[in-house]
Amino acid sequence: MDSGAPPKRRGLYTSFVLSAPPAGIVLACVAFPWAASLGDDALLAWAWRVPFLVSVVLFALAVFIRAAFSLSFMTSPEVGMSRGSALLAVSIGSVCGVLTTPLGGLAADRFGSRAVLATGSLLGAVGAFPLFWALSSGDLVLASVAIAVGYGLVIACTSGSQGAFLAGLFPTAERFSGIALARETNGAIVAGFSPLVAAALISAAGGSTWGAALFLAACCLSSVLAVLLMRSRQYA
């Protein structure tokens, strides 16, 4: 897991890896408007398979699933945004994530990965309610700005700094297994089910988003607390 990179540049180098998921979302969102343009009958019958077959690599499918929640929510009857507008909003936000995640890595190199990660998580908690309000507005501009801000600030700070932060928690001999347990287990248990939890909370609240926003804010605040309590040894 140790790349041999100098610690002062670790944030920048590791952030490039974590800027790739938004790029995958962009590719997925570019492919699906074509399938959607054929009409609902063709889309449901066969056209929806084409982007997945073209992608070949299953990773592209996994990246697309990570944006299922926002797309399905914005195109739901309660919100009423068109499929094309929702895809455009997610694409705009994802592009911002691709461009700004390395900046988060640079910030981690300058100010410390711990501070940047905590700041990004705190911004996520503060922005949880405005984000869901914008997504539920049905307005393309508001939704695009909200997703772009989320990717451009929150994701940039958290994804851009977490590689350096986690690498600094473990010595070289234990780094691979340590990060695998710390990050990927959380991804499978918490992040993997978060869209389902958010959707269930919105459904239970009769379409209101306050429960999902509160859930997101709580997750972000727990991250802030964990980062503040964890003392990174910053192994070289």
Protein backbone atom coordinates (compact mmCIF):
# COMPACT_ATOMS: atom_id res chain seq x y z
CA MET A 1 0.00 0.00 0.00
CA ASP A 2 3.02 2.22 0.48
CA SER A 3 3.78 3.98 -2.80
CA GLY A 4 7.08 5.37 -1.60
CA ALA A 5 5.77 8.90 -2.18
CA PRO A 6 7.04 11.61 0.17
CA PRO A 7 4.50 12.24 2.97
CA LYS A 8 4.25 15.91 2.02
CA ARG A 9 2.78 14.90 -1.35
CA ARG A 10 0.78 11.90 -0.19
CA GLY A 11 -2.53 13.79 -0.13
CA LEU A 12 -2.22 14.91 -3.74
CA TYR A 13 -1.13 11.53 -5.08
CA THR A 14 -3.77 9.49 -3.27
CA SER A 15 -6.51 11.97 -4.19
CA PHE A 16 -6.19 11.15 -7.90
CA VAL A 17 -7.40 7.62 -7.22
CA LEU A 18 -10.47 8.89 -5.39
CA SER A 19 -11.33 11.34 -8.16
CA ALA A 20 -12.01 8.40 -10.47
CA PRO A 21 -15.50 7.44 -9.14
CA PRO A 22 -17.07 10.79 -10.19
CA ALA A 23 -15.49 10.30 -13.62
CA GLY A 24 -17.23 6.94 -13.89
CA ILE A 25 -20.54 8.54 -12.98
CA VAL A 26 -20.05 11.08 -15.76
CA LEU A 27 -19.51 8.30 -18.31
CA ALA A 28 -22.60 6.47 -17.11
CA CYS A 29 -24.74 9.59 -17.26
CA VAL A 30 -23.53 10.32 -20.79
CA ALA A 31 -24.47 6.84 -21.97
CA PHE A 32 -27.96 6.65 -20.55
CA PRO A 33 -29.60 9.65 -22.24
CA TRP A 34 -29.20 7.80 -25.53
CA ALA A 35 -31.00 4.77 -24.15
CA ALA A 36 -33.70 6.94 -22.59
CA SER A 37 -34.28 8.79 -25.88
CA LEU A 38 -35.60 5.59 -27.49
CA GLY A 39 -38.74 5.70 -25.39
CA ASP A 40 -39.87 3.87 -22.27
CA ASP A 41 -40.88 0.67 -24.07
CA ALA A 42 -37.51 0.22 -25.77
CA LEU A 43 -35.67 1.41 -22.67
CA LEU A 44 -37.33 -1.16 -20.42
CA ALA A 45 -37.19 -3.92 -23.03
CA TRP A 46 -33.54 -3.86 -24.14
CA ALA A 47 -31.92 -0.45 -24.45
CA TRP A 48 -31.07 -0.18 -20.77
CA ARG A 49 -28.66 -3.12 -21.21
CA VAL A 50 -26.55 -1.47 -23.89
CA PRO A 51 -24.52 0.93 -21.70
CA PHE A 52 -23.70 -1.89 -19.33
CA LEU A 53 -22.62 -4.20 -22.13
CA VAL A 54 -20.47 -1.49 -23.68
CA SER A 55 -18.82 -0.69 -20.37
CA VAL A 56 -17.63 -4.31 -20.03
CA VAL A 57 -15.87 -3.59 -16.76
CA LEU A 58 -18.08 -4.24 -13.76
CA PHE A 59 -16.51 -1.34 -11.93
CA ALA A 60 -18.39 1.07 -14.17
CA LEU A 61 -21.64 -0.55 -13.07
CA ALA A 62 -20.67 -0.21 -9.42
CA VAL A 63 -19.89 3.47 -9.87
CA PHE A 64 -23.23 4.07 -11.55
CA ILE A 65 -25.09 2.37 -8.71
CA ARG A 66 -23.51 4.81 -6.26
CA ALA A 67 -25.51 7.59 -7.93
CA ALA A 68 -28.82 5.58 -8.08
CA PHE A 69 -30.34 7.32 -5.17
CA SER A 70 -30.14 10.94 -6.40
CA LEU A 71 -31.27 9.98 -9.90
CA SER A 72 -34.23 7.92 -8.74
CA PHE A 73 -35.24 10.54 -6.18
CA MET A 74 -35.16 13.47 -8.60
CA THR A 75 -37.12 11.53 -11.22
CA SER A 76 -39.69 10.23 -8.73
CA PRO A 77 -43.34 11.38 -9.05
CA GLU A 78 -42.92 13.46 -5.88
CA VAL A 79 -40.16 15.58 -7.46
CA GLY A 80 -41.02 15.20 -11.13
CA MET A 81 -37.69 16.07 -12.76
CA SER A 82 -37.16 14.60 -16.22
CA ARG A 83 -34.67 11.78 -16.62
CA GLY A 84 -32.46 13.88 -18.88
CA SER A 85 -32.36 16.80 -16.45
CA ALA A 86 -31.52 14.52 -13.53
CA LEU A 87 -28.68 12.91 -15.48
CA LEU A 88 -27.37 16.33 -16.45
CA ALA A 89 -27.40 17.51 -12.83
CA VAL A 90 -25.48 14.45 -11.66
CA SER A 91 -23.03 14.77 -14.55
CA ILE A 92 -22.29 18.42 -13.73
CA GLY A 93 -21.74 17.59 -10.08
CA SER A 94 -19.55 14.60 -10.91
CA VAL A 95 -17.33 16.65 -13.20
CA CYS A 96 -16.78 19.05 -10.31
CA GLY A 97 -15.73 16.08 -8.19
CA VAL A 98 -13.21 14.93 -10.79
CA LEU A 99 -11.64 18.39 -10.99
CA THR A 100 -11.63 19.32 -7.31
CA THR A 101 -10.66 16.08 -5.54
CA PRO A 102 -6.95 16.62 -6.35
CA LEU A 103 -7.33 20.10 -4.88
CA GLY A 104 -8.50 18.43 -1.70
CA GLY A 105 -5.31 16.40 -1.80
CA LEU A 106 -3.24 19.55 -2.14
CA ALA A 107 -5.10 21.08 0.80
CA ALA A 108 -4.33 17.96 2.84
CA ASP A 109 -0.63 18.34 2.03
CA ARG A 110 -0.67 21.96 3.14
CA PHE A 111 -3.03 21.97 6.13
CA GLY A 112 -2.94 18.33 7.18
CA SER A 113 -5.19 15.46 6.11
CA ARG A 114 -6.84 15.31 9.54
CA ALA A 115 -7.98 18.94 9.39
CA VAL A 116 -9.19 18.72 5.79
CA LEU A 117 -11.08 15.48 6.38
CA ALA A 118 -12.80 16.89 9.46
CA THR A 119 -13.65 20.10 7.60
CA GLY A 120 -15.16 18.22 4.68
CA SER A 121 -17.27 16.07 6.99
CA LEU A 122 -18.47 19.14 8.89
CA LEU A 123 -19.43 20.84 5.62
CA GLY A 124 -21.39 17.72 4.71
CA ALA A 125 -23.32 17.89 7.97
CA VAL A 126 -24.10 21.58 7.51
CA GLY A 127 -25.13 21.12 3.90
CA ALA A 128 -27.28 18.03 4.36
CA PHE A 129 -30.61 19.84 4.64
CA PRO A 130 -29.93 22.36 1.84
CA LEU A 131 -28.82 19.48 -0.40
CA PHE A 132 -32.03 17.51 0.01
CA TRP A 133 -34.11 20.67 -0.32
CA ALA A 134 -32.44 21.43 -3.65
CA LEU A 135 -32.83 17.85 -4.91
CA SER A 136 -36.51 17.85 -4.01
CA SER A 137 -37.15 21.21 -5.69
CA GLY A 138 -37.32 19.72 -9.17
CA ASP A 139 -35.28 22.64 -10.48
CA LEU A 140 -32.34 21.74 -12.71
CA VAL A 141 -30.21 24.71 -11.68
CA LEU A 142 -30.71 24.23 -7.95
CA ALA A 143 -30.08 20.49 -8.17
CA SER A 144 -26.97 20.97 -10.31
CA VAL A 145 -25.54 23.60 -7.97
CA ALA A 146 -26.27 21.47 -4.90
CA ILE A 147 -24.61 18.37 -6.32
CA ALA A 148 -21.70 20.41 -7.66
CA VAL A 149 -21.14 22.03 -4.27
CA GLY A 150 -21.40 18.64 -2.59
CA TYR A 151 -18.77 17.17 -4.87
CA GLY A 152 -16.70 20.33 -5.14
CA LEU A 153 -16.40 20.93 -1.40
CA VAL A 154 -17.49 17.95 0.67
CA ILE A 155 -16.29 15.10 -1.55
CA ALA A 156 -13.19 17.02 -2.57
CA CYS A 157 -12.15 17.47 1.04
CA THR A 158 -13.06 13.99 2.26
CA SER A 159 -11.93 11.95 -0.73
CA GLY A 160 -8.92 14.14 -1.37
CA SER A 161 -7.60 13.73 2.16
CA GLN A 162 -8.73 10.30 3.30
CA GLY A 163 -6.04 8.38 1.42
CA ALA A 164 -3.27 10.29 3.16
CA PHE A 165 -5.09 10.22 6.50
CA LEU A 166 -5.67 6.47 6.48
CA ALA A 167 -2.16 5.73 5.24
CA GLY A 168 -0.80 7.73 8.15
CA LEU A 169 -2.62 5.54 10.66
CA PHE A 170 -0.66 2.38 9.93
CA PRO A 171 2.99 1.39 9.53
CA THR A 172 4.00 0.04 6.14
CA ALA A 173 3.77 -3.62 7.13
CA GLU A 174 0.17 -3.25 8.30
CA ARG A 175 -1.06 -0.56 5.92
CA PHE A 176 -2.82 -2.72 3.32
CA SER A 177 -4.84 -4.80 5.78
CA GLY A 178 -5.46 -1.82 8.07
CA ILE A 179 -6.94 0.39 5.37
CA ALA A 180 -8.90 -2.54 3.92
CA LEU A 181 -10.60 -3.15 7.25
CA ALA A 182 -11.05 0.52 8.17
CA ARG A 183 -12.31 1.82 4.83
CA GLU A 184 -13.78 -1.04 2.83
CA THR A 185 -15.73 -2.58 5.70
CA ASN A 186 -17.31 0.80 6.34
CA GLY A 187 -18.02 1.14 2.62
CA ALA A 188 -19.78 -2.20 2.49
CA ILE A 189 -21.80 -1.85 5.70
CA VAL A 190 -22.50 1.88 6.02
CA ALA A 191 -22.02 3.57 2.64
CA GLY A 192 -23.40 0.63 0.68
CA PHE A 193 -26.74 0.71 2.50
CA SER A 194 -27.00 4.50 2.86
CA PRO A 195 -29.09 5.00 -0.32
CA LEU A 196 -31.55 2.34 0.87
CA VAL A 197 -31.73 3.94 4.32
CA ALA A 198 -32.29 7.40 2.83
CA ALA A 199 -35.00 6.11 0.51
CA ALA A 200 -36.71 4.29 3.38
CA LEU A 201 -36.64 7.41 5.57
CA ILE A 202 -38.14 9.54 2.80
CA SER A 203 -40.85 6.96 2.21
CA ALA A 204 -41.63 6.71 5.93
CA ALA A 205 -41.92 10.50 6.14
CA GLY A 206 -44.45 10.61 3.31
CA GLY A 207 -42.01 12.10 0.81
CA SER A 208 -40.43 14.60 3.18
CA THR A 209 -36.63 14.64 3.15
CA TRP A 210 -35.92 15.76 6.71
CA GLY A 211 -35.25 12.21 7.93
CA ALA A 212 -32.76 11.47 5.15
CA ALA A 213 -31.04 14.82 5.68
CA LEU A 214 -30.80 14.13 9.41
CA PHE A 215 -29.32 10.70 8.67
CA LEU A 216 -26.70 12.22 6.35
CA ALA A 217 -25.85 14.93 8.87
CA ALA A 218 -25.46 12.32 11.63
CA CYS A 219 -23.12 10.24 9.47
CA CYS A 220 -21.00 13.30 8.71
CA LEU A 221 -20.87 14.38 12.33
CA SER A 222 -19.81 10.90 13.39
CA SER A 223 -16.96 11.17 10.90
CA VAL A 224 -15.94 14.52 12.38
CA LEU A 225 -15.93 13.01 15.87
CA ALA A 226 -13.96 9.97 14.75
CA VAL A 227 -11.32 12.08 13.01
CA LEU A 228 -10.94 14.37 16.02
CA LEU A 229 -10.58 11.42 18.39
CA MET A 230 -8.19 9.52 16.15
CA ARG A 231 -4.58 10.59 16.39
CA SER A 232 -2.80 9.85 13.15
CA ARG A 233 0.84 8.87 13.67
CA GLN A 234 1.58 9.90 10.07
CA TYR A 235 3.88 7.01 9.24
CA ALA A 236 6.17 7.78 6.31
